[in-house]
C-alpha atoms as a PDB file:
ATOM      1  CA  MET A   1      -7.911  -6.215  11.306  1.00  0.00           C
ATOM      2  CA  GLY A   2      -6.356  -8.424   8.774  1.00  0.00           C
ATOM      3  CA  GLU A   3      -4.811 -11.504   8.604  1.00  0.00           C
ATOM      4  CA  ARG A   4      -0.493 -11.618   8.730  1.00  0.00           C
ATOM      5  CA  ILE A   5       0.701 -13.283   5.797  1.00  0.00           C
ATOM      6  CA  THR A   6       4.157 -12.802   3.597  1.00  0.00           C
ATOM      7  CA  VAL A   7       4.637 -11.487   0.455  1.00  0.00           C
ATOM      8  CA  VAL A   8       7.367 -11.236  -1.854  1.00  0.00           C
ATOM      9  CA  LEU A   9       7.318  -7.930  -3.818  1.00  0.00           C
ATOM     10  CA  LYS A  10       9.769  -6.765  -6.727  1.00  0.00           C
ATOM     11  CA  THR A  11      12.107  -3.929  -5.434  1.00  0.00           C
ATOM     12  CA  GLU A  12      10.970  -1.730  -7.848  1.00  0.00           C
ATOM     13  CA  HIS A  13       7.688  -1.977  -6.538  1.00  0.00           C
ATOM     14  CA  VAL A  14       8.370  -1.614  -3.370  1.00  0.00           C
ATOM     15  CA  GLU A  15       9.938   1.599  -3.944  1.00  0.00           C
ATOM     16  CA  LYS A  16       6.608   2.757  -5.653  1.00  0.00           C
ATOM     17  CA  LEU A  17       4.837   2.121  -2.480  1.00  0.00           C
ATOM     18  CA  ARG A  18       7.169   3.882   0.271  1.00  0.00           C
ATOM     19  CA  ASN A  19       6.823   6.676  -2.476  1.00  0.00           C
ATOM     20  CA  ILE A  20       3.455   7.027  -2.232  1.00  0.00           C
ATOM     21  CA  GLN A  21       3.639   6.196   1.677  1.00  0.00           C
ATOM     22  CA  ALA A  22       5.995   9.327   2.036  1.00  0.00           C
ATOM     23  CA  LYS A  23       3.412  11.131   0.047  1.00  0.00           C
ATOM     24  CA  MET A  24       0.705  10.131   2.529  1.00  0.00           C
ATOM     25  CA  ILE A  25       2.666  10.872   5.569  1.00  0.00           C
ATOM     26  CA  LYS A  26       3.835  14.571   4.776  1.00  0.00           C
ATOM     27  CA  THR A  27       0.207  15.328   3.963  1.00  0.00           C
ATOM     28  CA  SER A  28      -1.157  13.220   6.962  1.00  0.00           C
ATOM     29  CA  SER A  29      -1.172  13.960  10.820  1.00  0.00           C
ATOM     30  CA  LYS A  30      -1.667  10.373  11.511  1.00  0.00           C
ATOM     31  CA  SER A  31       0.966   7.678  11.003  1.00  0.00           C
ATOM     32  CA  VAL A  32       0.710   5.995   7.671  1.00  0.00           C
ATOM     33  CA  SER A  33       1.618   2.106   7.577  1.00  0.00           C
ATOM     34  CA  PHE A  34       3.075   0.713   4.641  1.00  0.00           C
ATOM     35  CA  SER A  35       0.512  -2.079   4.888  1.00  0.00           C
ATOM     36  CA  HIS A  36      -2.303   0.606   5.191  1.00  0.00           C
ATOM     37  CA  VAL A  37      -0.551   1.989   1.678  1.00  0.00           C
ATOM     38  CA  LEU A  38      -0.761  -1.503   0.325  1.00  0.00           C
ATOM     39  CA  ASN A  39      -4.308  -1.907   0.989  1.00  0.00           C
ATOM     40  CA  LEU A  40      -5.099   1.008  -0.407  1.00  0.00           C
ATOM     41  CA  VAL A  41      -3.103   0.401  -3.954  1.00  0.00           C
ATOM     42  CA  LEU A  42      -4.406  -3.029  -3.866  1.00  0.00           C
ATOM     43  CA  SER A  43      -8.216  -2.082  -3.459  1.00  0.00           C
ATOM     44  CA  GLU A  44      -8.075   0.593  -6.196  1.00  0.00           C
ATOM     45  CA  GLY A  45      -6.235  -2.016  -8.479  1.00  0.00           C
ATOM     46  CA  LEU A  46      -8.792  -5.168  -7.843  1.00  0.00           C
ATOM     47  CA  LYS A  47     -11.590  -2.343  -8.653  1.00  0.00           C
ATOM     48  CA  LYS A  48     -10.863  -2.784 -12.088  1.00  0.00           C
ATOM     49  CA  TYR A  49     -11.256  -7.143 -11.925  1.00  0.00           C
ATOM     50  CA  LYS A  50     -14.768  -7.776 -11.959  1.00  0.00           C
ATOM     51  CA  THR A  51     -15.360 -11.915 -10.184  1.00  0.00           C
END
Protein backbone atom coordinates (compact mmCIF):
# COMPACT_ATOMS: atom_id res chain seq x y z
CA MET A 1 0.00 0.00 0.00
CA GLY A 2 1.27 3.46 -0.84
CA GLU A 3 0.93 6.89 0.62
CA ARG A 4 -2.25 8.93 0.40
CA ILE A 5 -1.63 12.20 -1.38
CA THR A 6 -3.70 14.78 -3.19
CA VAL A 7 -2.89 15.45 -6.83
CA VAL A 8 -4.55 17.85 -9.25
CA LEU A 9 -4.73 16.49 -12.81
CA LYS A 10 -5.75 18.16 -16.04
CA THR A 11 -9.20 17.12 -17.21
CA GLU A 12 -7.85 15.68 -20.47
CA HIS A 13 -5.45 13.44 -18.56
CA VAL A 14 -8.21 12.20 -16.28
CA GLU A 15 -10.35 11.34 -19.32
CA LYS A 16 -7.50 9.38 -20.90
CA LEU A 17 -6.84 7.52 -17.65
CA ARG A 18 -10.56 6.72 -17.28
CA ASN A 19 -10.57 5.32 -20.83
CA ILE A 20 -7.60 3.11 -19.99
CA GLN A 21 -9.37 2.01 -16.81
CA ALA A 22 -12.54 1.17 -18.76
CA LYS A 23 -10.57 -1.01 -21.20
CA MET A 24 -8.85 -2.79 -18.33
CA ILE A 25 -12.16 -3.40 -16.54
CA LYS A 26 -13.60 -5.01 -19.68
CA THR A 27 -10.72 -7.47 -19.93
CA SER A 28 -10.24 -8.20 -16.22
CA SER A 29 -12.23 -10.37 -13.85
CA LYS A 30 -11.03 -8.26 -10.90
CA SER A 31 -11.80 -4.65 -10.05
CA VAL A 32 -9.45 -2.03 -11.46
CA SER A 33 -9.03 1.11 -9.39
CA PHE A 34 -8.20 4.53 -10.77
CA SER A 35 -5.13 4.58 -8.50
CA HIS A 36 -3.92 1.29 -9.98
CA VAL A 37 -4.23 2.65 -13.52
CA LEU A 38 -2.51 5.90 -12.57
CA ASN A 39 0.38 4.02 -10.94
CA LEU A 40 0.81 1.76 -14.00
CA VAL A 41 0.90 4.69 -16.40
CA LEU A 42 3.23 6.64 -14.12
CA SER A 43 5.59 3.67 -13.77
CA GLU A 44 5.81 3.28 -17.54
CA GLY A 45 6.41 6.99 -18.00
CA LEU A 46 9.12 7.13 -15.35
CA LYS A 47 11.10 4.38 -17.08
CA LYS A 48 12.11 6.99 -19.67
CA TYR A 49 13.92 9.05 -17.05
CA LYS A 50 17.16 7.94 -15.45
CA THR A 51 17.91 9.29 -12.01
